[in-house]
Amino acid sequence: MSKYGEAAVKTVQYLKENQLESPKTAWEVITKEFFWEGTASQKNKAYGLKALELIRKNPDLIEDKKTLWLETIGHEKKAPNS
């Protein structure tokens, strides 16, 4: 799974553990652990936020990385980063 996928999974866990209402706030906290500020492209950020949204709707996607990735990218042809 890519770092963005891992960040999405950790963001959901962080939301639950800290009882936050804002996925955006949790995403910002978690991604600062994975990446230094300002390095992620807007598109990759969008992928991470989409993955987070999908996981919140269907937590089973945490265990199905391939489906999570495919649903995150939609119709785009893009390989996950390693």
Protein backbone atom coordinates (compact mmCIF):
# COMPACT_ATOMS: atom_id res chain seq x y z
CA MET A 1 0.00 0.00 0.00
CA SER A 2 1.21 3.50 -0.72
CA LYS A 3 2.10 5.97 1.99
CA TYR A 4 -1.11 7.84 1.20
CA GLY A 5 -3.12 4.66 1.74
CA GLU A 6 -1.33 4.07 5.02
CA ALA A 7 -1.97 7.68 5.99
CA ALA A 8 -5.68 7.26 5.22
CA VAL A 9 -5.90 4.17 7.42
CA LYS A 10 -4.01 5.86 10.26
CA THR A 11 -6.21 8.94 9.90
CA VAL A 12 -9.35 6.86 10.50
CA GLN A 13 -7.73 5.27 13.53
CA TYR A 14 -6.68 8.71 14.80
CA LEU A 15 -10.23 10.02 14.31
CA LYS A 16 -11.67 7.16 16.36
CA GLU A 17 -9.05 7.27 19.11
CA ASN A 18 -9.30 11.04 19.56
CA GLN A 19 -13.02 11.33 18.88
CA LEU A 20 -12.47 14.05 16.30
CA GLU A 21 -15.24 15.30 14.04
CA SER A 22 -12.98 16.72 11.35
CA PRO A 23 -11.34 14.24 8.97
CA LYS A 24 -9.37 17.17 7.52
CA THR A 25 -7.78 17.95 10.89
CA ALA A 26 -6.92 14.29 11.47
CA TRP A 27 -5.48 14.01 7.94
CA GLU A 28 -3.26 17.03 8.51
CA VAL A 29 -1.95 15.63 11.80
CA ILE A 30 -1.23 12.19 10.36
CA THR A 31 0.31 13.32 7.08
CA LYS A 32 2.76 15.51 8.95
CA GLU A 33 4.06 12.26 10.45
CA PHE A 34 4.51 10.71 6.98
CA PHE A 35 5.61 13.71 4.96
CA TRP A 36 7.05 17.08 5.70
CA GLU A 37 4.67 19.93 5.08
CA GLY A 38 4.28 21.15 1.52
CA THR A 39 5.60 18.09 -0.35
CA ALA A 40 2.38 16.28 -1.24
CA SER A 41 0.73 17.27 -4.48
CA GLN A 42 -2.87 18.39 -4.47
CA LYS A 43 -3.83 15.28 -6.43
CA ASN A 44 -2.23 12.94 -3.91
CA LYS A 45 -3.94 14.82 -1.11
CA ALA A 46 -7.23 14.31 -2.94
CA TYR A 47 -6.49 10.57 -3.21
CA GLY A 48 -5.83 10.39 0.52
CA LEU A 49 -9.01 12.25 1.38
CA LYS A 50 -11.03 10.08 -0.98
CA ALA A 51 -9.54 6.93 0.57
CA LEU A 52 -10.40 8.24 4.02
CA GLU A 53 -13.98 8.90 2.95
CA LEU A 54 -14.25 5.39 1.51
CA ILE A 55 -12.85 3.79 4.67
CA ARG A 56 -15.24 5.75 6.85
CA LYS A 57 -18.15 4.46 4.75
CA ASN A 58 -16.78 0.91 4.59
CA PRO A 59 -14.17 0.08 7.28
CA ASP A 60 -13.62 -3.37 5.69
CA LEU A 61 -11.59 -1.59 3.00
CA ILE A 62 -8.76 -1.32 5.53
CA GLU A 63 -8.18 -5.02 4.95
CA ASP A 64 -8.71 -4.86 1.16
CA LYS A 65 -5.99 -2.50 -0.06
CA LYS A 66 -6.44 -3.28 -3.75
CA THR A 67 -10.16 -2.46 -3.74
CA LEU A 68 -9.50 0.66 -1.66
CA TRP A 69 -6.95 1.85 -4.22
CA LEU A 70 -9.20 1.09 -7.19
CA GLU A 71 -12.17 2.86 -5.63
CA THR A 72 -9.95 5.80 -4.67
CA ILE A 73 -8.62 6.42 -8.17
CA GLY A 74 -11.91 5.73 -9.94
CA HIS A 75 -11.46 5.53 -13.71
CA GLU A 76 -7.89 6.80 -13.71
CA LYS A 77 -5.11 4.46 -14.72
CA LYS A 78 -2.54 4.96 -12.00
CA ALA A 79 -0.37 2.55 -10.07
CA PRO A 80 -0.06 3.04 -6.31
CA ASN A 81 3.17 4.51 -4.97
CA SER A 82 5.18 2.08 -2.90
